[in-house]
Amino acid sequence: MIVLSEWRYDPLYTSGWSVDQAFDEATVVGANGDEIGDIENIVFDRDGNAVALIAEVGGFWDIGDTHVSIPWDQVQISEDAARFTVPVTEENADEFAAAGDESVLREGETGQVSTVDDDLATGPNLFKATDIIGDTAFLDNAARYGYLNDIIVNDGKLAAVVADTRAFGRGYYAYPYTGATAWRDPARYTLPYGPDDVVVLQVFDYNQMQRKGTMDTGTTSSTQPVPEADTDTQTAQ
């Protein structure tokens, strides 16, 4: 487990990107460079490795909305994480073979492009970003801390979860992803830290992230600047 006094945001600011912002603002681009859809979800394995992108495509081609699962190693992300390029075109979209049951994505199926249901479930060794975003966050003493509003991905891996604790007079704080045990209970994410541990963290400043597109200030995305928080008990890192 990473000790929070030694945890640094610098790698997240330099090369990480926000899943919440990708959901709200990023576009999915086809092999020919045209916009073809939106990001619906991102699938991770239990260790936090990104394994698949779930995209909704087809609306631009008059073929109806189609949800496809694309292996992560076939996804190219722009420098500002605003464009996700995938090997999908109008010509091959309807040729994608479904991977078994379209309503369930299992670990062995993430390496192939396939059509899936929009309410896709995952097998026991995988989870979707939306499976933990929105979960209530608890400290290790079972104290309710806030809720998870975002995931930060860095180098193809779930690097941090961001907790919104403003209801307690604080702000956004990024914690290292510590594995599947943190989210084993539905709608509950347990941070392996106590009240005395979390006070050393600074507010996570989305404005310092280098990989971000133009943010729409009219949205309610978690990537909007956080209101001033009470920093009396925080130690600079």
C-alpha atoms as a PDB file:
ATOM      1  CA  MET A   1       0.000   0.000   0.000  1.00  0.00           C
ATOM      2  CA  ILE A   2       1.279   3.469  -0.880  1.00  0.00           C
ATOM      3  CA  VAL A   3       1.802   5.754   2.101  1.00  0.00           C
ATOM      4  CA  LEU A   4      -0.065   8.994   1.394  1.00  0.00           C
ATOM      5  CA  SER A   5       2.747  11.169   2.710  1.00  0.00           C
ATOM      6  CA  GLU A   6       4.862   9.728  -0.136  1.00  0.00           C
ATOM      7  CA  TRP A   7       2.104   9.865  -2.791  1.00  0.00           C
ATOM      8  CA  ARG A   8       2.587  12.517  -5.477  1.00  0.00           C
ATOM      9  CA  TYR A   9       0.177  13.979  -8.020  1.00  0.00           C
ATOM     10  CA  ASP A  10       2.957  14.983 -10.458  1.00  0.00           C
ATOM     11  CA  PRO A  11       2.674  11.913 -12.759  1.00  0.00           C
ATOM     12  CA  LEU A  12      -1.103  12.345 -12.876  1.00  0.00           C
ATOM     13  CA  TYR A  13      -0.757  15.995 -13.836  1.00  0.00           C
ATOM     14  CA  THR A  14       1.926  15.285 -16.447  1.00  0.00           C
ATOM     15  CA  SER A  15       0.538  12.316 -18.352  1.00  0.00           C
ATOM     16  CA  GLY A  16      -2.712  11.157 -16.739  1.00  0.00           C
ATOM     17  CA  TRP A  17      -6.174  11.792 -18.175  1.00  0.00           C
ATOM     18  CA  SER A  18      -9.631  11.972 -16.666  1.00  0.00           C
ATOM     19  CA  VAL A  19     -12.160   9.267 -17.485  1.00  0.00           C
ATOM     20  CA  ASP A  20     -14.962  11.602 -16.403  1.00  0.00           C
ATOM     21  CA  GLN A  21     -13.852  14.197 -18.935  1.00  0.00           C
ATOM     22  CA  ALA A  22     -13.487  11.524 -21.619  1.00  0.00           C
ATOM     23  CA  PHE A  23     -17.081  10.445 -21.000  1.00  0.00           C
ATOM     24  CA  ASP A  24     -18.343  14.023 -21.162  1.00  0.00           C
ATOM     25  CA  GLU A  25     -16.266  15.533 -23.945  1.00  0.00           C
ATOM     26  CA  ALA A  26     -14.036  13.122 -25.883  1.00  0.00           C
ATOM     27  CA  THR A  27     -14.995  11.864 -29.340  1.00  0.00           C
ATOM     28  CA  VAL A  28     -14.406   8.484 -30.935  1.00  0.00           C
ATOM     29  CA  VAL A  29     -12.713   8.773 -34.325  1.00  0.00           C
ATOM     30  CA  GLY A  30     -12.655   6.102 -37.011  1.00  0.00           C
ATOM     31  CA  ALA A  31      -9.719   4.851 -39.013  1.00  0.00           C
ATOM     32  CA  ASN A  32     -10.365   7.478 -41.710  1.00  0.00           C
ATOM     33  CA  GLY A  33     -10.228  10.337 -39.199  1.00  0.00           C
ATOM     34  CA  ASP A  34     -13.963  11.065 -39.085  1.00  0.00           C
ATOM     35  CA  GLU A  35     -15.892  11.367 -35.848  1.00  0.00           C
ATOM     36  CA  ILE A  36     -18.014   8.247 -35.454  1.00  0.00           C
ATOM     37  CA  GLY A  37     -19.317   8.193 -31.899  1.00  0.00           C
ATOM     38  CA  ASP A  38     -18.815   8.598 -28.180  1.00  0.00           C
ATOM     39  CA  ILE A  39     -17.154   6.759 -25.317  1.00  0.00           C
ATOM     40  CA  GLU A  40     -19.621   4.711 -23.302  1.00  0.00           C
ATOM     41  CA  ASN A  41     -17.251   2.965 -20.907  1.00  0.00           C
ATOM     42  CA  ILE A  42     -13.759   1.675 -20.247  1.00  0.00           C
ATOM     43  CA  VAL A  43     -13.113  -1.868 -19.039  1.00  0.00           C
ATOM     44  CA  PHE A  44     -10.283  -2.709 -16.631  1.00  0.00           C
ATOM     45  CA  ASP A  45      -8.928  -5.928 -15.198  1.00  0.00           C
ATOM     46  CA  ARG A  46      -8.625  -6.404 -11.445  1.00  0.00           C
ATOM     47  CA  ASP A  47      -5.084  -4.999 -11.457  1.00  0.00           C
ATOM     48  CA  GLY A  48      -6.320  -1.779 -13.036  1.00  0.00           C
ATOM     49  CA  ASN A  49      -5.013  -2.372 -16.556  1.00  0.00           C
ATOM     50  CA  ALA A  50      -7.287  -0.904 -19.241  1.00  0.00           C
ATOM     51  CA  VAL A  51      -8.336  -3.766 -21.523  1.00  0.00           C
ATOM     52  CA  ALA A  52     -11.183  -2.445 -23.679  1.00  0.00           C
ATOM     53  CA  LEU A  53     -12.991   0.684 -24.803  1.00  0.00           C
ATOM     54  CA  ILE A  54     -16.773   0.540 -25.101  1.00  0.00           C
ATOM     55  CA  ALA A  55     -17.939   2.996 -27.767  1.00  0.00           C
ATOM     56  CA  GLU A  56     -21.319   3.912 -29.193  1.00  0.00           C
ATOM     57  CA  VAL A  57     -20.964   4.237 -32.955  1.00  0.00           C
ATOM     58  CA  GLY A  58     -23.192   4.181 -35.997  1.00  0.00           C
ATOM     59  CA  GLY A  59     -25.286   7.295 -35.536  1.00  0.00           C
ATOM     60  CA  PHE A  60     -23.289   9.091 -38.214  1.00  0.00           C
ATOM     61  CA  TRP A  61     -23.802   6.236 -40.676  1.00  0.00           C
ATOM     62  CA  ASP A  62     -27.585   5.768 -40.422  1.00  0.00           C
ATOM     63  CA  ILE A  63     -27.133   2.204 -39.214  1.00  0.00           C
ATOM     64  CA  GLY A  64     -28.525   2.773 -35.750  1.00  0.00           C
ATOM     65  CA  ASP A  65     -26.588   3.075 -32.517  1.00  0.00           C
ATOM     66  CA  THR A  66     -24.197   0.170 -32.132  1.00  0.00           C
ATOM     67  CA  HIS A  67     -22.076  -0.505 -29.046  1.00  0.00           C
ATOM     68  CA  VAL A  68     -18.720  -2.078 -29.718  1.00  0.00           C
ATOM     69  CA  SER A  69     -15.931  -3.354 -27.486  1.00  0.00           C
ATOM     70  CA  ILE A  70     -12.488  -2.472 -28.851  1.00  0.00           C
ATOM     71  CA  PRO A  71      -9.263  -3.954 -27.424  1.00  0.00           C
ATOM     72  CA  TRP A  72      -7.260  -1.278 -25.650  1.00  0.00           C
ATOM     73  CA  ASP A  73      -4.126  -1.975 -27.676  1.00  0.00           C
ATOM     74  CA  GLN A  74      -6.084  -0.943 -30.783  1.00  0.00           C
ATOM     75  CA  VAL A  75      -7.092   2.433 -29.340  1.00  0.00           C
ATOM     76  CA  GLN A  76      -4.988   5.517 -30.026  1.00  0.00           C
ATOM     77  CA  ILE A  77      -5.442   8.502 -27.714  1.00  0.00           C
ATOM     78  CA  SER A  78      -4.611  12.064 -28.732  1.00  0.00           C
ATOM     79  CA  GLU A  79      -2.178  14.092 -26.660  1.00  0.00           C
ATOM     80  CA  ASP A  80      -5.031  16.015 -25.022  1.00  0.00           C
ATOM     81  CA  ALA A  81      -7.107  12.832 -24.551  1.00  0.00           C
ATOM     82  CA  ALA A  82      -9.951  14.452 -26.507  1.00  0.00           C
ATOM     83  CA  ARG A  83      -9.889  12.024 -29.470  1.00  0.00           C
ATOM     84  CA  PHE A  84      -9.872   8.233 -29.253  1.00  0.00           C
ATOM     85  CA  THR A  85      -9.087   6.657 -32.628  1.00  0.00           C
ATOM     86  CA  VAL A  86     -10.355   3.120 -33.229  1.00  0.00           C
ATOM     87  CA  PRO A  87     -10.202   0.685 -36.200  1.00  0.00           C
ATOM     88  CA  VAL A  88     -13.899   1.040 -36.990  1.00  0.00           C
ATOM     89  CA  THR A  89     -15.293   2.275 -40.308  1.00  0.00           C
ATOM     90  CA  GLU A  90     -18.710   2.345 -41.925  1.00  0.00           C
ATOM     91  CA  GLU A  91     -17.586  -0.503 -44.164  1.00  0.00           C
ATOM     92  CA  ASN A  92     -16.594  -2.897 -41.383  1.00  0.00           C
ATOM     93  CA  ALA A  93     -18.916  -1.852 -38.544  1.00  0.00           C
ATOM     94  CA  ASP A  94     -21.566  -4.442 -39.397  1.00  0.00           C
ATOM     95  CA  GLU A  95     -19.002  -7.208 -39.846  1.00  0.00           C
ATOM     96  CA  PHE A  96     -17.847  -7.302 -36.251  1.00  0.00           C
ATOM     97  CA  ALA A  97     -18.498 -10.735 -34.780  1.00  0.00           C
ATOM     98  CA  ALA A  98     -20.243 -10.717 -31.430  1.00  0.00           C
ATOM     99  CA  ALA A  99     -18.176 -12.250 -28.644  1.00  0.00           C
ATOM    100  CA  GLY A 100     -20.464 -14.880 -27.147  1.00  0.00           C
ATOM    101  CA  ASP A 101     -23.175 -13.348 -24.983  1.00  0.00           C
ATOM    102  CA  GLU A 102     -23.346  -9.670 -25.977  1.00  0.00           C
ATOM    103  CA  SER A 103     -24.581  -8.697 -22.513  1.00  0.00           C
ATOM    104  CA  VAL A 104     -21.497 -10.016 -20.712  1.00  0.00           C
ATOM    105  CA  LEU A 105     -17.845  -9.273 -21.428  1.00  0.00           C
ATOM    106  CA  ARG A 106     -15.389 -11.799 -20.018  1.00  0.00           C
ATOM    107  CA  GLU A 107     -11.639 -11.620 -19.656  1.00  0.00           C
ATOM    108  CA  GLY A 108     -10.874 -13.803 -22.674  1.00  0.00           C
ATOM    109  CA  GLU A 109     -13.030 -11.655 -24.945  1.00  0.00           C
ATOM    110  CA  THR A 110     -11.340  -8.287 -24.496  1.00  0.00           C
ATOM    111  CA  GLY A 111      -8.746  -8.964 -27.176  1.00  0.00           C
ATOM    112  CA  GLN A 112     -11.208  -8.839 -30.070  1.00  0.00           C
ATOM    113  CA  VAL A 113     -13.498  -6.188 -31.503  1.00  0.00           C
ATOM    114  CA  SER A 114     -17.114  -7.150 -30.871  1.00  0.00           C
ATOM    115  CA  THR A 115     -20.618  -5.771 -30.619  1.00  0.00           C
ATOM    116  CA  VAL A 116     -22.021  -5.586 -27.097  1.00  0.00           C
ATOM    117  CA  ASP A 117     -25.138  -4.460 -25.254  1.00  0.00           C
ATOM    118  CA  ASP A 118     -25.272  -0.881 -23.978  1.00  0.00           C
ATOM    119  CA  ASP A 119     -25.849  -2.202 -20.429  1.00  0.00           C
ATOM    120  CA  LEU A 120     -22.903  -4.570 -20.687  1.00  0.00           C
ATOM    121  CA  ALA A 121     -21.967  -6.549 -17.598  1.00  0.00           C
ATOM    122  CA  THR A 122     -18.461  -7.882 -16.983  1.00  0.00           C
ATOM    123  CA  GLY A 123     -17.127 -11.198 -15.771  1.00  0.00           C
ATOM    124  CA  PRO A 124     -15.559 -11.634 -12.310  1.00  0.00           C
ATOM    125  CA  ASN A 125     -12.067 -10.562 -13.392  1.00  0.00           C
ATOM    126  CA  LEU A 126     -13.106  -7.318 -15.096  1.00  0.00           C
ATOM    127  CA  PHE A 127     -14.917  -4.134 -14.152  1.00  0.00           C
ATOM    128  CA  LYS A 128     -16.175  -1.044 -15.938  1.00  0.00           C
ATOM    129  CA  ALA A 129     -15.282   2.525 -15.018  1.00  0.00           C
ATOM    130  CA  THR A 130     -18.950   3.142 -14.250  1.00  0.00           C
ATOM    131  CA  ASP A 131     -18.928   0.248 -11.783  1.00  0.00           C
ATOM    132  CA  ILE A 132     -16.974   2.386  -9.317  1.00  0.00           C
ATOM    133  CA  ILE A 133     -17.562   5.994 -10.434  1.00  0.00           C
ATOM    134  CA  GLY A 134     -20.399   7.207  -8.239  1.00  0.00           C
ATOM    135  CA  ASP A 135     -19.681   4.713  -5.455  1.00  0.00           C
ATOM    136  CA  THR A 136     -19.747   5.987  -1.890  1.00  0.00           C
ATOM    137  CA  ALA A 137     -16.216   6.297  -0.509  1.00  0.00           C
ATOM    138  CA  PHE A 138     -15.440   5.087   3.000  1.00  0.00           C
ATOM    139  CA  LEU A 139     -12.308   5.298   5.127  1.00  0.00           C
ATOM    140  CA  ASP A 140     -10.837   2.195   6.714  1.00  0.00           C
ATOM    141  CA  ASN A 141     -12.704   2.909   9.954  1.00  0.00           C
ATOM    142  CA  ALA A 142     -16.015   2.667   8.020  1.00  0.00           C
ATOM    143  CA  ALA A 143     -16.516   6.436   8.200  1.00  0.00           C
ATOM    144  CA  ARG A 144     -18.348   7.798   5.170  1.00  0.00           C
ATOM    145  CA  TYR A 145     -15.929  10.080   3.300  1.00  0.00           C
ATOM    146  CA  GLY A 146     -17.658  11.211   0.098  1.00  0.00           C
ATOM    147  CA  TYR A 147     -18.089   9.583  -3.302  1.00  0.00           C
ATOM    148  CA  LEU A 148     -15.879   8.620  -6.233  1.00  0.00           C
ATOM    149  CA  ASN A 149     -16.396  11.089  -9.055  1.00  0.00           C
ATOM    150  CA  ASP A 150     -13.529  10.198 -11.379  1.00  0.00           C
ATOM    151  CA  ILE A 151     -10.763   7.815 -12.402  1.00  0.00           C
ATOM    152  CA  ILE A 152      -7.361   8.945 -13.644  1.00  0.00           C
ATOM    153  CA  VAL A 153      -5.671   6.702 -16.202  1.00  0.00           C
ATOM    154  CA  ASN A 154      -1.932   6.917 -16.795  1.00  0.00           C
ATOM    155  CA  ASP A 155       0.054   4.771 -19.223  1.00  0.00           C
ATOM    156  CA  GLY A 156      -2.877   2.462 -19.833  1.00  0.00           C
ATOM    157  CA  LYS A 157      -3.462   1.774 -16.161  1.00  0.00           C
ATOM    158  CA  LEU A 158      -5.925   2.952 -13.550  1.00  0.00           C
ATOM    159  CA  ALA A 159      -3.552   5.137 -11.566  1.00  0.00           C
ATOM    160  CA  ALA A 160      -5.895   6.918  -9.177  1.00  0.00           C
ATOM    161  CA  VAL A 161      -9.474   7.312  -8.028  1.00  0.00           C
ATOM    162  CA  VAL A 162     -10.730  10.808  -7.234  1.00  0.00           C
ATOM    163  CA  ALA A 163     -13.008  11.317  -4.252  1.00  0.00           C
ATOM    164  CA  ASP A 164     -15.354  14.289  -3.995  1.00  0.00           C
ATOM    165  CA  THR A 165     -15.455  15.178  -0.315  1.00  0.00           C
ATOM    166  CA  ARG A 166     -16.965  18.662  -0.575  1.00  0.00           C
ATOM    167  CA  ALA A 167     -19.901  17.641   1.586  1.00  0.00           C
ATOM    168  CA  PHE A 168     -17.363  17.535   4.416  1.00  0.00           C
ATOM    169  CA  GLY A 169     -15.886  20.946   3.626  1.00  0.00           C
ATOM    170  CA  ARG A 170     -12.918  19.715   1.593  1.00  0.00           C
ATOM    171  CA  GLY A 171     -12.729  19.117  -2.189  1.00  0.00           C
ATOM    172  CA  TYR A 172     -11.379  16.639  -4.762  1.00  0.00           C
ATOM    173  CA  TYR A 173      -8.621  14.255  -3.631  1.00  0.00           C
ATOM    174  CA  ALA A 174      -6.844  11.622  -5.729  1.00  0.00           C
ATOM    175  CA  TYR A 175      -5.914   8.312  -4.132  1.00  0.00           C
ATOM    176  CA  PRO A 176      -3.778   5.523  -5.581  1.00  0.00           C
ATOM    177  CA  TYR A 177      -5.758   2.581  -6.931  1.00  0.00           C
ATOM    178  CA  THR A 178      -5.132  -0.281  -4.525  1.00  0.00           C
ATOM    179  CA  GLY A 179      -6.832  -3.218  -6.229  1.00  0.00           C
ATOM    180  CA  ALA A 180     -10.114  -5.054  -6.386  1.00  0.00           C
ATOM    181  CA  THR A 181     -10.585  -5.425  -2.628  1.00  0.00           C
ATOM    182  CA  ALA A 182     -11.438  -1.721  -2.466  1.00  0.00           C
ATOM    183  CA  TRP A 183     -14.627  -2.187  -4.518  1.00  0.00           C
ATOM    184  CA  ARG A 184     -15.685  -5.746  -3.673  1.00  0.00           C
ATOM    185  CA  ASP A 185     -18.927  -4.479  -2.081  1.00  0.00           C
ATOM    186  CA  PRO A 186     -21.467  -3.033  -4.554  1.00  0.00           C
ATOM    187  CA  ALA A 187     -21.783   0.784  -4.510  1.00  0.00           C
ATOM    188  CA  ARG A 188     -19.069   0.998  -1.838  1.00  0.00           C
ATOM    189  CA  TYR A 189     -15.391   1.884  -2.305  1.00  0.00           C
ATOM    190  CA  THR A 190     -13.200   1.521   0.775  1.00  0.00           C
ATOM    191  CA  LEU A 191     -10.035   3.564   0.876  1.00  0.00           C
ATOM    192  CA  PRO A 192      -7.325   1.786   2.900  1.00  0.00           C
ATOM    193  CA  TYR A 193      -6.621   4.937   4.894  1.00  0.00           C
ATOM    194  CA  GLY A 194      -7.871   6.461   8.123  1.00  0.00           C
ATOM    195  CA  PRO A 195      -8.770  10.036   9.106  1.00  0.00           C
ATOM    196  CA  ASP A 196      -5.219  10.787  10.236  1.00  0.00           C
ATOM    197  CA  ASP A 197      -3.828   9.587   6.898  1.00  0.00           C
ATOM    198  CA  VAL A 198      -6.010  11.580   4.510  1.00  0.00           C
ATOM    199  CA  VAL A 199      -5.317  15.016   5.997  1.00  0.00           C
ATOM    200  CA  VAL A 200      -1.849  15.114   4.421  1.00  0.00           C
ATOM    201  CA  LEU A 201      -3.251  15.298   0.873  1.00  0.00           C
ATOM    202  CA  GLN A 202      -3.568  18.481  -1.141  1.00  0.00           C
ATOM    203  CA  VAL A 203      -6.659  19.193  -3.214  1.00  0.00           C
ATOM    204  CA  PHE A 204      -6.339  17.574  -6.646  1.00  0.00           C
ATOM    205  CA  ASP A 205      -6.152  20.460  -9.136  1.00  0.00           C
ATOM    206  CA  TYR A 206      -7.613  19.490 -12.519  1.00  0.00           C
ATOM    207  CA  ASN A 207      -6.256  22.715 -14.011  1.00  0.00           C
ATOM    208  CA  GLN A 208      -2.731  21.313 -13.694  1.00  0.00           C
ATOM    209  CA  MET A 209      -3.462  18.295 -15.885  1.00  0.00           C
ATOM    210  CA  GLN A 210      -1.578  18.543 -19.170  1.00  0.00           C
ATOM    211  CA  ARG A 211      -3.713  15.979 -21.028  1.00  0.00           C
ATOM    212  CA  LYS A 212      -7.084  17.673 -21.158  1.00  0.00           C
ATOM    213  CA  GLY A 213      -9.158  19.184 -23.923  1.00  0.00           C
ATOM    214  CA  THR A 214     -11.150  22.390 -23.799  1.00  0.00           C
ATOM    215  CA  MET A 215     -13.547  22.087 -20.892  1.00  0.00           C
ATOM    216  CA  ASP A 216     -17.140  23.260 -21.274  1.00  0.00           C
ATOM    217  CA  THR A 217     -17.747  25.530 -18.309  1.00  0.00           C
ATOM    218  CA  GLY A 218     -21.457  24.966 -18.714  1.00  0.00           C
ATOM    219  CA  THR A 219     -21.240  21.329 -17.693  1.00  0.00           C
ATOM    220  CA  THR A 220     -21.286  19.802 -14.234  1.00  0.00           C
ATOM    221  CA  SER A 221     -18.321  17.545 -14.926  1.00  0.00           C
ATOM    222  CA  SER A 222     -16.000  16.788 -12.032  1.00  0.00           C
ATOM    223  CA  THR A 223     -13.209  18.224 -14.160  1.00  0.00           C
ATOM    224  CA  GLN A 224     -14.492  21.737 -13.534  1.00  0.00           C
ATOM    225  CA  PRO A 225     -12.414  23.734 -11.038  1.00  0.00           C
ATOM    226  CA  VAL A 226     -13.331  22.889  -7.481  1.00  0.00           C
ATOM    227  CA  PRO A 227     -14.560  25.653  -5.156  1.00  0.00           C
ATOM    228  CA  GLU A 228     -12.131  26.869  -2.550  1.00  0.00           C
ATOM    229  CA  ALA A 229     -11.693  24.216   0.124  1.00  0.00           C
ATOM    230  CA  ASP A 230     -10.669  24.432   3.740  1.00  0.00           C
ATOM    231  CA  THR A 231      -6.922  23.777   3.674  1.00  0.00           C
ATOM    232  CA  ASP A 232      -6.126  24.514   7.299  1.00  0.00           C
ATOM    233  CA  THR A 233      -5.341  20.869   8.023  1.00  0.00           C
ATOM    234  CA  GLN A 234      -3.519  20.057   4.782  1.00  0.00           C
ATOM    235  CA  THR A 235       0.211  19.644   4.406  1.00  0.00           C
ATOM    236  CA  ALA A 236       1.887  20.738   1.160  1.00  0.00           C
ATOM    237  CA  GLN A 237       3.608  18.012  -0.851  1.00  0.00           C
END
